[in-house]
């Protein structure tokens, strides 16, 4: 069992006038948007960089902006493709909430962009970790798999409190922003001082545009089976204070079944580890991919 402890140090569509909106708009200018139609449904991808493809899959109540603090760094070394999953962000909703359909539609849209036999590296966060693991189990050309706070482990959760309702509030009002901040601190981030304008913007945009609800799927297991069906190297990473899992227990459980799996706990971070500890996670992912890479 390999369990390590990593020690610390789109276009806007609702009224907004704070710094977070400017940061999102800047990021949108840095990427190119690709709309792919699969069985009459549009799946939206964004691309930055050149090199070997690295595919990023966001979490539930999320969008491509879950990777707002990672895209630029990773694109220095890869051709980064970032999805809005079906039913999230700019992508169309599916007819229903079938998990297999979501995974298969995502895979088909990716293959239409880069080719079904092109080898990729795949990184998924939270519900997107379960999506990524399932996709990797079904797509032969996945060389490396990174899962951040993945859903579907079926183990212990450590809730920090109750999320607050927001649908009755006016988007971007003071009350709305207060709820976004509360929910970020309750579920996504551990340190209150790291809840900045960009985090609130991402949380707000993503929440408003979520139409595929993943909670029941995320808590129904399935991650172990997906990983057992994938034969490549896997990096699993959790923030030390992740509320969706007991990182040490989940890491031990998921790595004991294969010597190719490595688990890391990143200190001073909550669930949204690639945002709260972006520099550390970016370096960790890059170094691990370099150490386990194979010849294309």
Protein backbone atom coordinates (compact mmCIF):
# COMPACT_ATOMS: atom_id res chain seq x y z
CA UNK A 1 0.00 0.00 0.00
CA UNK A 2 1.42 3.34 -1.08
CA UNK A 3 0.02 6.11 1.13
CA UNK A 4 2.00 9.32 1.41
CA UNK A 5 1.41 12.57 3.29
CA UNK A 6 2.16 15.69 1.27
CA UNK A 7 3.14 18.39 3.76
CA UNK A 8 2.12 22.00 3.25
CA UNK A 9 3.24 25.32 3.00
CA UNK A 10 -16.90 31.09 -20.27
CA UNK A 11 -18.68 33.80 -20.94
CA UNK A 12 -20.42 35.61 -18.13
CA UNK A 13 -24.15 35.13 -18.13
CA UNK A 14 -25.48 36.80 -15.02
CA UNK A 15 -24.77 40.34 -13.75
CA UNK A 16 -21.46 40.59 -11.94
CA UNK A 17 -19.05 43.40 -11.21
CA UNK A 18 -16.39 41.94 -8.97
CA UNK A 19 -12.87 40.70 -9.51
CA UNK A 20 -13.89 37.06 -9.87
CA UNK A 21 -15.83 37.83 -13.05
CA UNK A 22 -12.77 39.49 -14.57
CA UNK A 23 -10.65 36.45 -13.74
CA UNK A 24 -13.13 34.09 -15.37
CA UNK A 25 -13.33 36.31 -18.45
CA UNK A 26 -9.52 36.33 -18.69
CA UNK A 27 -9.38 32.53 -18.49
CA UNK A 28 -12.06 32.25 -21.16
CA UNK A 29 -9.86 34.31 -23.48
CA UNK A 30 -6.95 31.93 -22.94
CA UNK A 31 -8.79 28.81 -24.13
CA UNK A 32 -10.45 27.79 -27.37
CA UNK A 33 -13.98 26.44 -27.21
CA UNK A 34 -15.05 23.31 -29.10
CA UNK A 35 -18.73 22.29 -29.37
CA UNK A 36 -19.31 18.63 -30.24
CA UNK A 37 -22.76 17.25 -31.09
CA UNK A 38 -23.40 13.65 -29.99
CA UNK A 39 -26.85 12.18 -30.68
CA UNK A 40 -28.30 15.66 -30.93
CA UNK A 41 -26.69 16.89 -27.68
CA UNK A 42 -23.90 19.46 -27.58
CA UNK A 43 -20.93 18.78 -25.30
CA UNK A 44 -18.62 21.75 -24.79
CA UNK A 45 -14.87 21.36 -24.38
CA UNK A 46 -12.14 23.94 -23.93
CA UNK A 47 -8.54 23.52 -25.00
CA UNK A 48 -5.22 25.12 -24.17
CA UNK A 49 -1.62 24.08 -24.90
CA UNK A 50 0.10 21.52 -27.06
CA UNK A 51 1.62 18.10 -26.47
CA UNK A 52 0.18 14.88 -25.12
CA UNK A 53 -3.53 15.22 -24.32
CA UNK A 54 -4.50 15.68 -20.68
CA UNK A 55 -8.26 15.55 -20.05
CA UNK A 56 -9.78 17.26 -16.97
CA UNK A 57 -13.21 16.25 -15.64
CA UNK A 58 -14.95 18.54 -13.10
CA UNK A 59 -17.04 17.59 -10.09
CA UNK A 60 -20.75 17.66 -9.31
CA UNK A 61 -22.36 21.13 -9.12
CA UNK A 62 -19.32 22.12 -11.15
CA UNK A 63 -18.06 23.11 -14.57
CA UNK A 64 -14.77 23.47 -16.41
CA UNK A 65 -14.03 26.30 -13.95
CA UNK A 66 -13.27 23.77 -11.22
CA UNK A 67 -9.84 23.79 -12.92
CA UNK A 68 -9.44 27.58 -12.96
CA UNK A 69 -6.13 27.48 -11.06
CA UNK A 70 -4.67 24.50 -12.92
CA UNK A 71 -5.21 24.96 -16.64
CA UNK A 72 -2.41 27.42 -17.32
CA UNK A 73 0.25 25.43 -15.48
CA UNK A 74 -0.74 22.08 -16.94
CA UNK A 75 -0.97 23.56 -20.44
CA UNK A 76 2.73 24.38 -20.30
CA UNK A 77 3.38 20.65 -20.66
CA UNK A 78 0.21 19.19 -22.24
CA UNK A 79 -2.59 19.73 -24.67
CA UNK A 80 -5.21 20.28 -21.99
CA UNK A 81 -8.86 19.46 -22.75
CA UNK A 82 -11.40 20.59 -20.15
CA UNK A 83 -15.00 19.39 -20.27
CA UNK A 84 -18.34 20.76 -19.30
CA UNK A 85 -20.00 17.39 -18.67
CA UNK A 86 -23.48 16.87 -20.14
CA UNK A 87 -25.97 18.67 -17.90
CA UNK A 88 -23.38 21.14 -16.61
CA UNK A 89 -22.10 24.55 -17.67
CA UNK A 90 -22.47 25.23 -21.38
CA UNK A 91 -23.20 21.63 -22.37
CA UNK A 92 -26.71 20.39 -23.15
CA UNK A 93 -28.67 18.27 -20.71
CA UNK A 94 -29.21 14.60 -21.42
CA UNK A 95 -32.64 13.01 -21.55
CA UNK A 96 -32.61 11.67 -18.01
CA UNK A 97 -29.94 11.15 -15.36
CA UNK A 98 -28.34 7.90 -16.45
CA UNK A 99 -24.68 7.69 -15.39
CA UNK A 100 -23.66 5.35 -18.20
CA UNK A 101 -25.15 7.72 -20.75
CA UNK A 102 -23.22 10.64 -19.25
CA UNK A 103 -19.93 8.71 -19.38
CA UNK A 104 -20.51 7.38 -22.87
CA UNK A 105 -21.57 10.76 -24.26
CA UNK A 106 -18.49 12.37 -22.73
CA UNK A 107 -16.26 9.69 -24.21
CA UNK A 108 -17.83 9.96 -27.66
CA UNK A 109 -17.43 13.74 -27.70
CA UNK A 110 -13.77 13.46 -26.65
CA UNK A 111 -13.03 10.80 -29.27
CA UNK A 112 -14.66 13.01 -31.91
CA UNK A 113 -12.22 15.77 -31.01
CA UNK A 114 -8.94 13.90 -30.68
CA UNK A 115 -9.52 10.41 -32.12
CA UNK A 116 -10.63 7.24 -30.35
CA UNK A 117 -7.18 5.62 -30.44
CA UNK A 118 -5.19 8.65 -29.21
CA UNK A 119 -3.65 7.95 -25.81
CA UNK A 120 -4.62 10.41 -23.09
CA UNK A 121 -3.88 11.25 -19.50
CA UNK A 122 -7.04 11.67 -17.47
CA UNK A 123 -7.69 13.67 -14.29
CA UNK A 124 -11.03 13.81 -12.47
CA UNK A 125 -12.26 15.65 -9.38
CA UNK A 126 -14.99 14.48 -6.95
CA UNK A 127 -17.94 13.15 -9.02
CA UNK A 128 -15.66 13.72 -12.00
CA UNK A 129 -13.23 11.27 -10.41
CA UNK A 130 -15.85 8.54 -10.66
CA UNK A 131 -16.61 9.64 -14.23
CA UNK A 132 -12.90 9.60 -15.11
CA UNK A 133 -12.30 6.16 -13.56
CA UNK A 134 -15.31 4.73 -15.38
CA UNK A 135 -14.23 6.32 -18.65
CA UNK A 136 -10.72 4.90 -18.20
CA UNK A 137 -12.17 1.43 -17.64
CA UNK A 138 -13.97 1.65 -20.98
CA UNK A 139 -11.46 3.50 -23.18
CA UNK A 140 -8.35 1.43 -23.96
CA UNK A 141 -6.10 4.42 -24.69
CA UNK A 142 -5.76 5.94 -21.20
CA UNK A 143 -2.13 5.91 -20.09
CA UNK A 144 -2.42 7.52 -16.64
CA UNK A 145 -5.28 8.32 -14.28
CA UNK A 146 -5.35 10.97 -11.52
CA UNK A 147 -8.32 11.14 -9.14
CA UNK A 148 -8.77 14.04 -6.70
CA UNK A 149 -11.19 13.46 -3.83
CA UNK A 150 -13.03 10.91 -5.99
CA UNK A 151 -16.65 9.99 -5.40
CA UNK A 152 -17.91 6.42 -5.42
CA UNK A 153 -15.57 5.07 -2.73
CA UNK A 154 -18.49 3.99 -0.55
CA UNK A 155 -16.64 4.76 2.67
CA UNK A 156 -16.82 7.24 5.52
CA UNK A 157 -17.75 10.87 4.97
CA UNK A 158 -16.90 13.70 7.39
CA UNK A 159 -19.49 16.48 6.93
CA UNK A 160 -18.57 19.85 8.35
CA UNK A 161 -22.09 21.23 8.48
CA UNK A 162 -25.24 21.80 6.44
CA UNK A 163 -25.27 23.48 3.05
CA UNK A 164 -27.57 26.49 2.72
CA UNK A 165 -30.29 26.91 0.08
CA UNK A 166 -29.70 29.54 -2.59
CA UNK A 167 -32.35 29.11 -5.31
CA UNK A 168 -34.66 31.69 -3.72
CA UNK A 169 -31.96 34.38 -3.80
CA UNK A 170 -31.07 36.85 -6.53
CA UNK A 171 -27.82 35.75 -8.20
CA UNK A 172 -24.84 37.86 -7.13
CA UNK A 173 -26.76 39.72 -4.43
CA UNK A 174 -25.05 40.13 -1.07
CA UNK A 175 -27.22 37.37 0.40
CA UNK A 176 -26.41 35.09 -2.53
CA UNK A 177 -22.69 35.67 -2.14
CA UNK A 178 -22.92 34.99 1.59
CA UNK A 179 -24.52 31.61 0.88
CA UNK A 180 -21.90 30.78 -1.74
CA UNK A 181 -19.18 31.59 0.79
CA UNK A 182 -20.87 29.46 3.46
CA UNK A 183 -21.25 26.49 1.13
CA UNK A 184 -17.66 26.77 -0.04
CA UNK A 185 -16.41 26.67 3.56
CA UNK A 186 -18.79 23.86 4.51
CA UNK A 187 -18.04 21.52 1.61
CA UNK A 188 -15.25 22.66 -0.70
CA UNK A 189 -12.48 24.59 1.07
CA UNK A 190 -10.98 24.31 4.54
CA UNK A 191 -9.43 27.74 5.08
CA UNK A 192 -11.86 30.67 5.18
CA UNK A 193 -9.25 33.21 4.10
CA UNK A 194 -8.78 31.31 0.83
CA UNK A 195 -12.38 31.87 -0.23
CA UNK A 196 -11.60 34.62 -2.71
CA UNK A 197 -13.65 36.35 -5.40
CA UNK A 198 -12.74 33.73 -8.01
CA UNK A 199 -13.89 30.85 -5.79
CA UNK A 200 -17.25 32.56 -5.21
CA UNK A 201 -17.61 33.24 -8.93
CA UNK A 202 -16.89 29.62 -9.86
CA UNK A 203 -19.23 28.29 -7.18
CA UNK A 204 -22.00 30.64 -8.26
CA UNK A 205 -21.75 30.05 -12.00
CA UNK A 206 -21.44 26.31 -11.61
CA UNK A 207 -24.33 25.98 -9.16
CA UNK A 208 -26.73 27.93 -11.35
CA UNK A 209 -25.94 25.85 -14.42
CA UNK A 210 -26.06 22.37 -12.89
CA UNK A 211 -28.89 20.25 -14.30
CA UNK A 212 -27.46 16.75 -13.71
CA UNK A 213 -27.58 15.92 -10.01
CA UNK A 214 -24.89 13.50 -8.95
CA UNK A 215 -25.30 13.02 -5.19
CA UNK A 216 -27.03 9.64 -5.30
CA UNK A 217 -24.57 8.32 -7.90
CA UNK A 218 -21.59 9.62 -5.96
CA UNK A 219 -22.68 7.83 -2.78
CA UNK A 220 -23.62 4.55 -4.45
CA UNK A 221 -20.12 3.14 -4.85
CA UNK A 222 -18.64 1.96 -8.11
CA UNK A 223 -15.14 3.41 -7.84
CA UNK A 224 -13.46 0.16 -6.77
CA UNK A 225 -14.98 -1.74 -9.68
CA UNK A 226 -13.97 0.94 -12.18
CA UNK A 227 -10.38 0.99 -10.92
CA UNK A 228 -10.16 -2.81 -10.98
CA UNK A 229 -11.14 -2.70 -14.66
CA UNK A 230 -8.37 -0.19 -15.45
CA UNK A 231 -4.86 -1.59 -15.71
CA UNK A 232 -2.75 1.59 -15.81
CA UNK A 233 -1.07 3.67 -13.07
CA UNK A 234 -3.34 5.65 -10.76
CA UNK A 235 -2.63 8.60 -8.47
CA UNK A 236 -5.28 9.28 -5.80
CA UNK A 237 -5.10 12.54 -3.86
CA UNK A 238 -7.22 14.05 -1.11
CA UNK A 239 -7.02 17.21 0.91
CA UNK A 240 -6.26 16.49 4.56
CA UNK A 241 -9.65 17.90 5.60
CA UNK A 242 -11.75 16.54 2.72
CA UNK A 243 -15.32 16.21 4.02
CA UNK A 244 -16.31 13.63 1.40
CA UNK A 245 -13.97 10.91 2.68
CA UNK A 246 -11.53 9.78 5.34
CA UNK A 247 -8.45 10.18 3.10
CA UNK A 248 -6.19 7.71 4.89
CA UNK A 249 -8.85 5.01 5.04
CA UNK A 250 -9.95 5.56 1.45
CA UNK A 251 -6.36 5.65 0.26
CA UNK A 252 -5.53 2.39 2.01
CA UNK A 253 -8.65 0.70 0.68
CA UNK A 254 -8.12 1.74 -2.93
CA UNK A 255 -4.37 1.19 -3.18
CA UNK A 256 -4.19 -2.25 -1.56
CA UNK A 257 -5.65 -3.86 -4.68
CA UNK A 258 -2.86 -2.79 -7.06
CA UNK A 259 0.82 -1.89 -6.80
CA UNK A 260 0.26 0.63 -9.60
CA UNK A 261 -1.85 2.86 -7.36
CA UNK A 262 -0.45 5.60 -5.15
CA UNK A 263 -2.37 7.66 -2.58
CA UNK A 264 -1.36 11.09 -1.30
CA UNK A 265 -2.87 13.30 1.38
CA UNK A 266 -2.23 17.02 0.90
CA UNK A 267 -2.08 19.01 4.13
CA UNK A 268 -3.96 22.24 4.80
CA UNK A 269 -6.64 21.57 2.21
CA UNK A 270 -10.27 20.57 1.96
CA UNK A 271 -12.17 18.82 -0.82
CA UNK A 272 -11.40 21.24 -3.68
CA UNK A 273 -7.72 20.46 -3.35
CA UNK A 274 -6.68 21.59 -6.83
CA UNK A 275 -7.95 25.07 -6.00
CA UNK A 276 -6.99 25.45 -2.34
CA UNK A 277 -3.48 24.03 -2.83
CA UNK A 278 -3.14 24.67 -6.54
CA UNK A 279 0.65 25.04 -6.68
CA UNK A 280 1.27 21.85 -4.74
CA UNK A 281 -1.29 19.85 -6.68
CA UNK A 282 -0.03 21.12 -10.03
CA UNK A 283 3.54 20.11 -9.20
CA UNK A 284 2.46 16.78 -7.72
CA UNK A 285 0.45 15.87 -10.81
CA UNK A 286 3.19 16.95 -13.19
CA UNK A 287 5.94 15.06 -11.34
CA UNK A 288 3.83 11.91 -11.01
CA UNK A 289 2.90 11.92 -14.69
CA UNK A 290 6.55 12.37 -15.61
CA UNK A 291 7.67 9.53 -13.32
CA UNK A 292 5.10 7.04 -14.63
CA UNK A 293 4.96 8.04 -18.28
CA UNK A 294 5.46 5.54 -21.07
CA UNK A 295 6.71 6.09 -24.60
CA UNK A 296 3.84 7.33 -26.82
